[in-house]
N, C-alpha and C. Protein backbone atom coordinates (compact mmCIF):
# COMPACT_ATOMS: atom_id res chain seq x y z
N ASP A 1 -31.48 -79.24 114.57
CA ASP A 1 -31.86 -78.35 115.65
C ASP A 1 -31.53 -76.91 115.30
N THR A 2 -32.37 -76.00 115.79
CA THR A 2 -32.16 -74.57 115.63
C THR A 2 -31.61 -74.03 116.95
N VAL A 3 -30.60 -73.18 116.86
CA VAL A 3 -30.04 -72.54 118.04
C VAL A 3 -30.37 -71.06 117.93
N VAL A 4 -31.03 -70.51 118.95
CA VAL A 4 -31.41 -69.11 118.97
C VAL A 4 -30.77 -68.47 120.19
N SER A 5 -30.01 -67.40 119.96
CA SER A 5 -29.39 -66.67 121.07
C SER A 5 -29.82 -65.23 121.02
N ILE A 6 -30.33 -64.73 122.14
CA ILE A 6 -30.69 -63.33 122.28
C ILE A 6 -30.07 -62.88 123.59
N GLY A 7 -29.11 -61.99 123.51
CA GLY A 7 -28.41 -61.57 124.72
C GLY A 7 -27.74 -62.76 125.36
N THR A 8 -28.10 -63.03 126.61
CA THR A 8 -27.51 -64.16 127.33
C THR A 8 -28.38 -65.41 127.27
N MET A 9 -29.52 -65.34 126.58
CA MET A 9 -30.43 -66.48 126.50
C MET A 9 -30.15 -67.29 125.24
N THR A 10 -30.05 -68.61 125.37
CA THR A 10 -29.88 -69.50 124.24
C THR A 10 -30.96 -70.56 124.29
N MET A 11 -31.62 -70.78 123.17
CA MET A 11 -32.65 -71.82 123.08
C MET A 11 -32.25 -72.78 121.97
N ARG A 12 -32.47 -74.07 122.18
CA ARG A 12 -32.20 -75.09 121.18
C ARG A 12 -33.48 -75.87 120.95
N GLY A 13 -33.73 -76.21 119.71
CA GLY A 13 -34.89 -77.02 119.40
C GLY A 13 -35.13 -77.05 117.91
N PRO A 14 -36.15 -77.79 117.49
CA PRO A 14 -36.46 -77.85 116.06
C PRO A 14 -36.97 -76.49 115.59
N LYS A 15 -36.82 -76.22 114.31
CA LYS A 15 -37.28 -74.96 113.75
C LYS A 15 -38.80 -74.87 113.91
N LEU A 16 -39.29 -73.72 114.36
CA LEU A 16 -40.70 -73.54 114.62
C LEU A 16 -41.42 -73.08 113.36
N SER A 17 -42.61 -73.62 113.12
CA SER A 17 -43.42 -73.19 111.98
C SER A 17 -44.19 -71.94 112.38
N ARG A 18 -44.72 -71.22 111.40
CA ARG A 18 -45.51 -70.04 111.69
C ARG A 18 -46.75 -70.41 112.51
N ARG A 19 -47.34 -71.55 112.23
CA ARG A 19 -48.54 -71.98 112.98
C ARG A 19 -48.20 -72.24 114.45
N GLN A 20 -47.02 -72.80 114.72
CA GLN A 20 -46.62 -73.01 116.11
C GLN A 20 -46.43 -71.67 116.80
N ILE A 21 -45.88 -70.70 116.09
CA ILE A 21 -45.67 -69.38 116.66
C ILE A 21 -47.01 -68.73 116.97
N ALA A 22 -47.96 -68.83 116.03
CA ALA A 22 -49.27 -68.23 116.25
C ALA A 22 -49.99 -68.89 117.41
N ALA A 23 -49.78 -70.18 117.60
CA ALA A 23 -50.48 -70.92 118.64
C ALA A 23 -49.80 -70.81 120.00
N ALA A 24 -48.56 -70.40 120.05
CA ALA A 24 -47.83 -70.38 121.31
C ALA A 24 -47.09 -69.06 121.49
N PRO A 25 -47.74 -68.05 122.11
CA PRO A 25 -47.08 -66.76 122.29
C PRO A 25 -45.76 -66.83 123.04
N ALA A 26 -45.54 -67.88 123.80
CA ALA A 26 -44.29 -68.00 124.54
C ALA A 26 -43.09 -68.12 123.63
N VAL A 27 -43.27 -68.50 122.39
CA VAL A 27 -42.12 -68.65 121.49
C VAL A 27 -41.84 -67.37 120.71
N LEU A 28 -42.43 -66.25 121.13
CA LEU A 28 -42.17 -64.99 120.43
C LEU A 28 -40.70 -64.59 120.50
N ILE A 29 -39.99 -65.07 121.49
CA ILE A 29 -38.55 -64.80 121.54
C ILE A 29 -37.89 -65.44 120.32
N ALA A 30 -38.31 -66.64 119.98
CA ALA A 30 -37.77 -67.30 118.79
C ALA A 30 -38.19 -66.56 117.53
N LEU A 31 -39.42 -66.05 117.50
CA LEU A 31 -39.88 -65.27 116.36
C LEU A 31 -39.01 -64.03 116.20
N LYS A 32 -38.69 -63.38 117.33
CA LYS A 32 -37.84 -62.20 117.28
C LYS A 32 -36.50 -62.53 116.63
N ALA A 33 -35.91 -63.62 117.06
CA ALA A 33 -34.61 -64.00 116.52
C ALA A 33 -34.71 -64.36 115.04
N THR A 34 -35.71 -65.16 114.69
CA THR A 34 -35.88 -65.58 113.30
C THR A 34 -36.18 -64.38 112.43
N SER A 35 -37.06 -63.51 112.90
CA SER A 35 -37.45 -62.34 112.13
C SER A 35 -36.27 -61.40 111.91
N ALA A 36 -35.50 -61.19 112.96
CA ALA A 36 -34.36 -60.28 112.85
C ALA A 36 -33.39 -60.76 111.79
N PHE A 37 -33.12 -62.04 111.80
CA PHE A 37 -32.22 -62.60 110.80
C PHE A 37 -32.81 -62.44 109.41
N ALA A 38 -34.11 -62.75 109.28
CA ALA A 38 -34.76 -62.67 107.98
C ALA A 38 -34.81 -61.23 107.49
N GLN A 39 -35.06 -60.28 108.39
CA GLN A 39 -35.12 -58.89 107.98
C GLN A 39 -33.78 -58.42 107.42
N GLN A 40 -32.69 -58.80 108.04
CA GLN A 40 -31.39 -58.36 107.59
C GLN A 40 -30.96 -59.10 106.32
N ALA A 41 -31.24 -60.39 106.24
CA ALA A 41 -30.78 -61.18 105.12
C ALA A 41 -31.68 -61.05 103.89
N GLU A 42 -32.98 -60.78 104.11
CA GLU A 42 -33.92 -60.78 103.01
C GLU A 42 -34.82 -59.56 103.01
N ILE A 43 -34.31 -58.44 103.41
CA ILE A 43 -35.14 -57.27 103.59
C ILE A 43 -35.86 -56.87 102.30
N ALA A 44 -35.26 -57.09 101.16
CA ALA A 44 -35.90 -56.73 99.91
C ALA A 44 -36.65 -57.89 99.28
N SER A 45 -36.57 -59.06 99.86
CA SER A 45 -37.26 -60.21 99.29
C SER A 45 -38.74 -60.13 99.55
N PRO A 46 -39.57 -60.24 98.50
CA PRO A 46 -41.01 -60.17 98.71
C PRO A 46 -41.54 -61.45 99.34
N VAL A 47 -42.65 -61.31 100.04
CA VAL A 47 -43.34 -62.44 100.62
C VAL A 47 -44.39 -62.88 99.61
N SER A 48 -44.39 -64.14 99.24
CA SER A 48 -45.36 -64.59 98.25
C SER A 48 -46.75 -64.56 98.85
N SER A 49 -47.73 -64.20 98.05
CA SER A 49 -49.10 -64.11 98.50
C SER A 49 -49.87 -65.35 98.09
N PRO A 50 -50.77 -65.84 98.96
CA PRO A 50 -51.58 -66.99 98.59
C PRO A 50 -52.66 -66.64 97.58
N VAL A 51 -52.88 -65.36 97.31
CA VAL A 51 -53.90 -64.94 96.36
C VAL A 51 -53.27 -64.82 94.97
N PRO A 52 -53.76 -65.63 93.98
CA PRO A 52 -53.20 -65.55 92.63
C PRO A 52 -53.29 -64.13 92.08
N GLY A 53 -52.19 -63.66 91.52
CA GLY A 53 -52.14 -62.33 90.93
C GLY A 53 -51.93 -61.21 91.92
N ALA A 54 -51.87 -61.53 93.21
CA ALA A 54 -51.68 -60.49 94.22
C ALA A 54 -50.22 -60.04 94.22
N THR A 55 -50.02 -58.79 94.59
CA THR A 55 -48.68 -58.24 94.67
C THR A 55 -48.03 -58.69 95.97
N PRO A 56 -46.87 -59.36 95.90
CA PRO A 56 -46.19 -59.75 97.14
C PRO A 56 -45.70 -58.53 97.89
N MET A 57 -45.64 -58.65 99.20
CA MET A 57 -45.17 -57.54 100.04
C MET A 57 -43.89 -57.95 100.75
N SER A 58 -42.99 -56.99 100.93
CA SER A 58 -41.76 -57.25 101.66
C SER A 58 -42.06 -57.28 103.16
N LEU A 59 -41.11 -57.78 103.92
CA LEU A 59 -41.26 -57.79 105.38
C LEU A 59 -41.44 -56.37 105.90
N GLU A 60 -40.68 -55.43 105.36
CA GLU A 60 -40.79 -54.03 105.78
C GLU A 60 -42.16 -53.46 105.43
N ALA A 61 -42.71 -53.83 104.26
CA ALA A 61 -44.04 -53.34 103.88
C ALA A 61 -45.10 -53.92 104.82
N ASN A 62 -44.95 -55.18 105.20
CA ASN A 62 -45.90 -55.78 106.15
C ASN A 62 -45.86 -55.06 107.49
N LYS A 63 -44.65 -54.75 107.97
CA LYS A 63 -44.52 -54.03 109.23
C LYS A 63 -45.12 -52.62 109.12
N ALA A 64 -44.88 -51.96 108.00
CA ALA A 64 -45.43 -50.62 107.80
C ALA A 64 -46.96 -50.65 107.77
N LEU A 65 -47.53 -51.67 107.16
CA LEU A 65 -48.99 -51.82 107.12
C LEU A 65 -49.55 -51.93 108.54
N VAL A 66 -48.97 -52.80 109.35
CA VAL A 66 -49.44 -52.99 110.72
C VAL A 66 -49.26 -51.71 111.53
N SER A 67 -48.11 -51.06 111.39
CA SER A 67 -47.85 -49.82 112.12
C SER A 67 -48.85 -48.73 111.75
N THR A 68 -49.09 -48.56 110.46
CA THR A 68 -50.02 -47.54 109.98
C THR A 68 -51.45 -47.85 110.43
N ALA A 69 -51.85 -49.11 110.30
CA ALA A 69 -53.21 -49.50 110.66
C ALA A 69 -53.48 -49.33 112.15
N THR A 70 -52.55 -49.80 112.99
CA THR A 70 -52.78 -49.68 114.44
C THR A 70 -52.76 -48.23 114.89
N ASP A 71 -51.92 -47.41 114.26
CA ASP A 71 -51.91 -45.98 114.58
C ASP A 71 -53.24 -45.33 114.21
N ALA A 72 -53.75 -45.62 113.01
CA ALA A 72 -55.00 -45.03 112.56
C ALA A 72 -56.17 -45.46 113.44
N VAL A 73 -56.19 -46.74 113.83
CA VAL A 73 -57.30 -47.27 114.62
C VAL A 73 -57.24 -46.83 116.08
N PHE A 74 -56.08 -47.01 116.73
CA PHE A 74 -56.02 -46.79 118.18
C PHE A 74 -55.55 -45.39 118.59
N ASN A 75 -54.87 -44.68 117.72
CA ASN A 75 -54.46 -43.31 118.04
C ASN A 75 -55.33 -42.29 117.31
N GLY A 76 -55.71 -42.61 116.07
CA GLY A 76 -56.55 -41.71 115.30
C GLY A 76 -58.03 -41.97 115.45
N HIS A 77 -58.39 -43.14 116.01
CA HIS A 77 -59.80 -43.54 116.18
C HIS A 77 -60.56 -43.40 114.87
N ASP A 78 -59.93 -43.79 113.77
CA ASP A 78 -60.45 -43.63 112.41
C ASP A 78 -61.18 -44.89 111.96
N VAL A 79 -62.50 -44.86 112.00
CA VAL A 79 -63.31 -46.02 111.61
C VAL A 79 -63.06 -46.39 110.14
N SER A 80 -62.85 -45.41 109.28
CA SER A 80 -62.63 -45.69 107.86
C SER A 80 -61.32 -46.43 107.61
N ALA A 81 -60.40 -46.41 108.57
CA ALA A 81 -59.12 -47.13 108.42
C ALA A 81 -59.36 -48.63 108.32
N VAL A 82 -60.43 -49.13 108.90
CA VAL A 82 -60.73 -50.56 108.82
C VAL A 82 -60.91 -50.96 107.36
N ASP A 83 -61.61 -50.15 106.58
CA ASP A 83 -61.79 -50.45 105.15
C ASP A 83 -60.49 -50.37 104.36
N ARG A 84 -59.58 -49.48 104.77
CA ARG A 84 -58.32 -49.30 104.04
C ARG A 84 -57.29 -50.38 104.35
N TYR A 85 -57.24 -50.86 105.59
CA TYR A 85 -56.13 -51.70 106.01
C TYR A 85 -56.49 -53.14 106.39
N PHE A 86 -57.77 -53.46 106.49
CA PHE A 86 -58.19 -54.78 106.93
C PHE A 86 -58.99 -55.48 105.83
N SER A 87 -58.80 -56.77 105.71
CA SER A 87 -59.48 -57.58 104.71
C SER A 87 -60.99 -57.63 104.96
N PRO A 88 -61.79 -57.69 103.90
CA PRO A 88 -63.24 -57.89 104.08
C PRO A 88 -63.54 -59.23 104.77
N ALA A 89 -62.60 -60.17 104.70
CA ALA A 89 -62.76 -61.48 105.35
C ALA A 89 -61.96 -61.56 106.66
N TYR A 90 -61.75 -60.42 107.30
CA TYR A 90 -60.94 -60.31 108.51
C TYR A 90 -61.38 -61.30 109.59
N ILE A 91 -60.41 -62.04 110.13
CA ILE A 91 -60.65 -63.02 111.19
C ILE A 91 -60.05 -62.47 112.48
N GLN A 92 -60.87 -62.43 113.54
CA GLN A 92 -60.44 -61.88 114.83
C GLN A 92 -60.48 -62.99 115.88
N HIS A 93 -59.35 -63.26 116.51
CA HIS A 93 -59.26 -64.25 117.58
C HIS A 93 -59.27 -63.51 118.91
N SER A 94 -60.39 -62.90 119.23
CA SER A 94 -60.50 -62.06 120.41
C SER A 94 -61.63 -62.53 121.31
N THR A 95 -61.44 -62.37 122.60
CA THR A 95 -62.51 -62.64 123.54
C THR A 95 -63.38 -61.40 123.72
N LEU A 96 -62.94 -60.26 123.17
CA LEU A 96 -63.63 -58.99 123.39
C LEU A 96 -64.28 -58.40 122.15
N VAL A 97 -63.82 -58.79 120.96
CA VAL A 97 -64.30 -58.20 119.71
C VAL A 97 -64.74 -59.33 118.78
N GLY A 98 -65.87 -59.14 118.12
CA GLY A 98 -66.38 -60.15 117.20
C GLY A 98 -65.56 -60.25 115.93
N ASP A 99 -65.88 -61.25 115.14
CA ASP A 99 -65.21 -61.50 113.87
C ASP A 99 -65.64 -60.49 112.81
N GLY A 100 -64.74 -60.21 111.86
CA GLY A 100 -65.07 -59.40 110.70
C GLY A 100 -64.84 -57.92 110.89
N PRO A 101 -64.78 -57.21 109.74
CA PRO A 101 -64.49 -55.77 109.79
C PRO A 101 -65.59 -54.94 110.45
N GLU A 102 -66.84 -55.36 110.37
CA GLU A 102 -67.92 -54.57 110.99
C GLU A 102 -67.77 -54.54 112.51
N ALA A 103 -67.40 -55.68 113.09
CA ALA A 103 -67.18 -55.72 114.54
C ALA A 103 -66.00 -54.83 114.93
N LEU A 104 -64.94 -54.83 114.11
CA LEU A 104 -63.79 -53.98 114.39
C LEU A 104 -64.18 -52.51 114.27
N LYS A 105 -65.00 -52.17 113.28
CA LYS A 105 -65.47 -50.78 113.16
C LYS A 105 -66.25 -50.37 114.41
N GLY A 106 -67.05 -51.30 114.94
CA GLY A 106 -67.80 -51.01 116.17
C GLY A 106 -66.87 -50.70 117.33
N LEU A 107 -65.79 -51.48 117.44
CA LEU A 107 -64.81 -51.22 118.49
C LEU A 107 -64.19 -49.84 118.32
N VAL A 108 -63.74 -49.54 117.10
CA VAL A 108 -63.06 -48.27 116.85
C VAL A 108 -64.01 -47.10 117.16
N ALA A 109 -65.28 -47.23 116.75
CA ALA A 109 -66.26 -46.17 116.99
C ALA A 109 -66.50 -45.96 118.49
N SER A 110 -66.32 -47.01 119.28
CA SER A 110 -66.57 -46.91 120.72
C SER A 110 -65.38 -46.42 121.52
N LEU A 111 -64.22 -46.27 120.90
CA LEU A 111 -63.02 -45.89 121.64
C LEU A 111 -63.10 -44.46 122.14
N GLY A 112 -62.77 -44.28 123.39
CA GLY A 112 -62.71 -42.94 123.96
C GLY A 112 -61.43 -42.24 123.55
N ALA A 113 -61.40 -40.93 123.73
CA ALA A 113 -60.24 -40.14 123.35
C ALA A 113 -58.98 -40.55 124.09
N ALA A 114 -59.13 -41.16 125.26
CA ALA A 114 -57.97 -41.55 126.07
C ALA A 114 -57.28 -42.81 125.55
N VAL A 115 -57.94 -43.55 124.66
CA VAL A 115 -57.36 -44.80 124.16
C VAL A 115 -56.24 -44.50 123.18
N THR A 116 -55.07 -45.08 123.47
CA THR A 116 -53.91 -44.93 122.58
C THR A 116 -53.14 -46.24 122.52
N HIS A 117 -52.30 -46.36 121.50
CA HIS A 117 -51.39 -47.49 121.37
C HIS A 117 -49.99 -46.95 121.13
N GLN A 118 -49.05 -47.40 121.94
CA GLN A 118 -47.65 -47.02 121.78
C GLN A 118 -46.87 -48.25 121.36
N PRO A 119 -46.47 -48.34 120.09
CA PRO A 119 -45.69 -49.51 119.65
C PRO A 119 -44.27 -49.44 120.21
N VAL A 120 -43.73 -50.59 120.57
CA VAL A 120 -42.37 -50.66 121.07
C VAL A 120 -41.50 -51.47 120.11
N ARG A 121 -42.02 -52.61 119.63
CA ARG A 121 -41.27 -53.48 118.72
C ARG A 121 -42.19 -54.04 117.65
N LEU A 122 -41.67 -54.21 116.44
CA LEU A 122 -42.36 -54.90 115.36
C LEU A 122 -41.39 -55.89 114.74
N PHE A 123 -41.84 -57.13 114.57
CA PHE A 123 -41.02 -58.16 113.93
C PHE A 123 -41.86 -58.83 112.85
N ALA A 124 -41.26 -59.09 111.70
CA ALA A 124 -41.98 -59.73 110.60
C ALA A 124 -41.32 -61.05 110.24
N ASP A 125 -42.16 -62.02 109.91
CA ASP A 125 -41.70 -63.33 109.43
C ASP A 125 -42.70 -63.79 108.40
N GLY A 126 -42.33 -63.72 107.13
CA GLY A 126 -43.26 -64.09 106.07
C GLY A 126 -44.48 -63.20 106.09
N ASP A 127 -45.66 -63.81 106.18
CA ASP A 127 -46.89 -63.03 106.19
C ASP A 127 -47.37 -62.68 107.60
N LEU A 128 -46.53 -62.92 108.61
CA LEU A 128 -46.88 -62.61 109.99
C LEU A 128 -46.08 -61.42 110.52
N VAL A 129 -46.75 -60.57 111.29
CA VAL A 129 -46.10 -59.44 111.96
C VAL A 129 -46.47 -59.51 113.43
N ALA A 130 -45.47 -59.51 114.31
CA ALA A 130 -45.67 -59.48 115.75
C ALA A 130 -45.40 -58.05 116.23
N ALA A 131 -46.31 -57.53 117.03
CA ALA A 131 -46.17 -56.19 117.58
C ALA A 131 -46.20 -56.27 119.10
N HIS A 132 -45.27 -55.58 119.74
CA HIS A 132 -45.19 -55.52 121.20
C HIS A 132 -45.40 -54.06 121.56
N GLY A 133 -46.38 -53.78 122.40
CA GLY A 133 -46.64 -52.38 122.71
C GLY A 133 -47.52 -52.19 123.92
N LEU A 134 -47.94 -50.96 124.12
CA LEU A 134 -48.70 -50.55 125.30
C LEU A 134 -50.00 -49.90 124.86
N TYR A 135 -51.11 -50.41 125.40
CA TYR A 135 -52.44 -49.82 125.17
C TYR A 135 -52.85 -49.08 126.43
N THR A 136 -53.26 -47.83 126.28
CA THR A 136 -53.75 -47.05 127.41
C THR A 136 -55.18 -46.60 127.13
N GLY A 137 -55.90 -46.29 128.21
CA GLY A 137 -57.24 -45.74 128.07
C GLY A 137 -58.37 -46.75 128.11
N PHE A 138 -58.06 -48.04 128.20
CA PHE A 138 -59.12 -49.05 128.32
C PHE A 138 -59.54 -49.24 129.77
N GLY A 139 -58.84 -48.63 130.68
CA GLY A 139 -59.12 -48.72 132.10
C GLY A 139 -58.07 -47.93 132.84
N PRO A 140 -58.06 -48.02 134.16
CA PRO A 140 -57.10 -47.23 134.93
C PRO A 140 -55.65 -47.69 134.78
N VAL A 141 -55.45 -48.96 134.39
CA VAL A 141 -54.10 -49.49 134.25
C VAL A 141 -53.86 -49.85 132.78
N PRO A 142 -52.75 -49.40 132.17
CA PRO A 142 -52.47 -49.76 130.78
C PRO A 142 -52.25 -51.27 130.61
N TYR A 143 -52.41 -51.72 129.39
CA TYR A 143 -52.16 -53.11 129.02
C TYR A 143 -50.90 -53.20 128.18
N VAL A 144 -50.04 -54.17 128.49
CA VAL A 144 -48.91 -54.52 127.64
C VAL A 144 -49.42 -55.65 126.75
N ALA A 145 -49.12 -55.57 125.46
CA ALA A 145 -49.70 -56.54 124.53
C ALA A 145 -48.68 -57.06 123.54
N PHE A 146 -48.90 -58.31 123.17
CA PHE A 146 -48.29 -58.89 121.98
C PHE A 146 -49.44 -59.13 121.01
N ASP A 147 -49.38 -58.48 119.87
CA ASP A 147 -50.37 -58.69 118.82
C ASP A 147 -49.68 -59.43 117.69
N LEU A 148 -50.39 -60.36 117.10
CA LEU A 148 -49.87 -61.10 115.95
C LEU A 148 -50.86 -60.92 114.81
N PHE A 149 -50.36 -60.40 113.69
CA PHE A 149 -51.20 -60.12 112.53
C PHE A 149 -50.75 -60.99 111.36
N ARG A 150 -51.70 -61.49 110.59
CA ARG A 150 -51.39 -62.19 109.34
C ARG A 150 -51.82 -61.29 108.19
N ILE A 151 -50.89 -61.11 107.25
CA ILE A 151 -51.12 -60.24 106.10
C ILE A 151 -51.45 -61.10 104.89
N GLU A 152 -52.47 -60.70 104.15
CA GLU A 152 -52.84 -61.40 102.92
C GLU A 152 -53.28 -60.36 101.89
N ASN A 153 -52.69 -60.42 100.73
CA ASN A 153 -53.05 -59.54 99.62
C ASN A 153 -52.98 -58.06 100.01
N GLY A 154 -51.97 -57.71 100.82
CA GLY A 154 -51.74 -56.32 101.18
C GLY A 154 -52.66 -55.78 102.27
N LEU A 155 -53.42 -56.67 102.94
CA LEU A 155 -54.33 -56.23 104.00
C LEU A 155 -54.15 -57.12 105.23
N ILE A 156 -54.54 -56.61 106.37
CA ILE A 156 -54.52 -57.41 107.59
C ILE A 156 -55.70 -58.37 107.51
N ALA A 157 -55.39 -59.68 107.51
CA ALA A 157 -56.42 -60.69 107.32
C ALA A 157 -56.80 -61.41 108.61
N GLU A 158 -55.91 -61.38 109.62
CA GLU A 158 -56.17 -62.15 110.83
C GLU A 158 -55.38 -61.55 112.00
N HIS A 159 -55.92 -61.69 113.21
CA HIS A 159 -55.30 -61.08 114.38
C HIS A 159 -55.47 -61.97 115.62
N TRP A 160 -54.36 -62.15 116.35
CA TRP A 160 -54.33 -62.82 117.66
C TRP A 160 -53.67 -61.85 118.63
N TYR A 161 -53.91 -62.01 119.90
CA TYR A 161 -53.22 -61.14 120.86
C TYR A 161 -53.15 -61.78 122.23
N GLY A 162 -52.26 -61.22 123.04
CA GLY A 162 -52.16 -61.55 124.45
C GLY A 162 -51.99 -60.25 125.21
N LEU A 163 -52.84 -60.01 126.21
CA LEU A 163 -52.80 -58.78 127.00
C LEU A 163 -52.43 -59.09 128.44
N GLN A 164 -51.70 -58.18 129.05
CA GLN A 164 -51.37 -58.30 130.47
C GLN A 164 -51.35 -56.89 131.05
N LEU A 165 -51.94 -56.72 132.23
CA LEU A 165 -51.90 -55.41 132.87
C LEU A 165 -50.45 -55.01 133.14
N GLN A 166 -50.14 -53.75 132.90
CA GLN A 166 -48.80 -53.26 133.17
C GLN A 166 -48.60 -53.17 134.69
N VAL A 167 -47.44 -53.58 135.15
CA VAL A 167 -47.12 -53.51 136.57
C VAL A 167 -45.91 -52.60 136.76
N GLU A 168 -45.79 -52.04 137.96
CA GLU A 168 -44.67 -51.14 138.24
C GLU A 168 -43.40 -51.90 138.60
N LYS A 169 -43.55 -53.02 139.33
CA LYS A 169 -42.39 -53.79 139.76
C LYS A 169 -42.53 -55.22 139.29
N THR A 170 -41.42 -55.77 138.83
CA THR A 170 -41.39 -57.17 138.42
C THR A 170 -40.32 -57.92 139.20
N ALA A 171 -40.41 -59.23 139.22
CA ALA A 171 -39.43 -60.04 139.93
C ALA A 171 -38.03 -59.86 139.34
N SER A 172 -37.96 -59.62 138.02
CA SER A 172 -36.67 -59.49 137.36
C SER A 172 -36.05 -58.11 137.51
N GLY A 173 -36.88 -57.13 137.87
CA GLY A 173 -36.38 -55.76 137.93
C GLY A 173 -36.47 -55.04 136.60
N HIS A 174 -36.86 -55.74 135.55
CA HIS A 174 -37.05 -55.13 134.23
C HIS A 174 -38.52 -54.76 134.06
N THR A 175 -38.78 -53.78 133.21
CA THR A 175 -40.17 -53.49 132.89
C THR A 175 -40.66 -54.51 131.87
N GLN A 176 -41.94 -54.47 131.57
CA GLN A 176 -42.50 -55.38 130.58
C GLN A 176 -42.20 -54.92 129.15
N LEU A 177 -41.61 -53.75 129.01
CA LEU A 177 -41.36 -53.20 127.68
C LEU A 177 -39.91 -52.84 127.41
N ASP A 178 -39.02 -52.89 128.43
CA ASP A 178 -37.65 -52.44 128.19
C ASP A 178 -36.86 -53.48 127.39
N GLY A 179 -35.67 -53.09 127.02
CA GLY A 179 -34.80 -53.96 126.24
C GLY A 179 -34.59 -53.42 124.84
N PRO A 180 -33.73 -54.09 124.08
CA PRO A 180 -33.42 -53.62 122.73
C PRO A 180 -34.64 -53.63 121.82
N THR A 181 -34.68 -52.67 120.93
CA THR A 181 -35.76 -52.63 119.95
C THR A 181 -35.24 -52.78 118.53
N ASP A 182 -33.94 -52.74 118.36
CA ASP A 182 -33.34 -52.89 117.03
C ASP A 182 -32.40 -54.09 117.03
N VAL A 183 -32.34 -54.75 115.90
CA VAL A 183 -31.42 -55.87 115.72
C VAL A 183 -30.05 -55.28 115.37
N THR A 184 -29.05 -55.58 116.19
CA THR A 184 -27.72 -55.03 115.93
C THR A 184 -26.72 -56.10 115.50
N ALA A 185 -27.04 -57.36 115.72
CA ALA A 185 -26.15 -58.45 115.34
C ALA A 185 -26.97 -59.61 114.76
N PRO A 186 -27.49 -59.44 113.53
CA PRO A 186 -28.40 -60.45 112.97
C PRO A 186 -27.76 -61.84 112.84
N VAL A 187 -26.46 -61.92 112.68
CA VAL A 187 -25.83 -63.24 112.54
C VAL A 187 -25.88 -64.02 113.85
N LYS A 188 -26.13 -63.34 114.96
CA LYS A 188 -26.21 -64.03 116.25
C LYS A 188 -27.64 -64.45 116.60
N THR A 189 -28.60 -64.21 115.73
CA THR A 189 -29.98 -64.49 116.08
C THR A 189 -30.46 -65.88 115.70
N GLU A 190 -29.74 -66.57 114.85
CA GLU A 190 -30.15 -67.91 114.46
C GLU A 190 -28.94 -68.73 114.05
N GLY A 191 -28.89 -69.96 114.55
CA GLY A 191 -27.80 -70.86 114.13
C GLY A 191 -27.94 -71.23 112.67
N ILE A 192 -26.85 -71.28 111.97
CA ILE A 192 -26.90 -71.63 110.54
C ILE A 192 -26.26 -72.98 110.33
């Protein structure tokens, strides 16, 4: 069994695979814990690439790729960024955007000046990067999002997401974005 503790929350269960994480956004808390531990323990360790001869990327490089790409696309509205940061075989799991880089270019070209993305947290685990942030300009109310990206051969190869309208008041009294953004006690994030 894996024991994951974040603040006052403790979860016990079998170790989750990356596919389970991609299929179940509710386990992103476990991804946060696993990623934080991995980032501290293996920050310089490269992630092996499934492409023969490809250069492996570190967890930090994967996070930097996602951060740079989302900034260029959603804050810079740069259509050419799709060619620089996304795979020609890009897979999109979206109800709003079609598959492939051409569909993504169409989205970027259609973005109004008011559309922005404010990243709050980035967590990496192997070839996956989870991003938690705020999208504005798609309507009168901003969206809080969890985006999950798969990196392959130094490019974003696949994307999943979950969006929720931002609300002013929650039952817990917390916002949808508050809380720690840095790992301060990596040894407490996963049972060994």
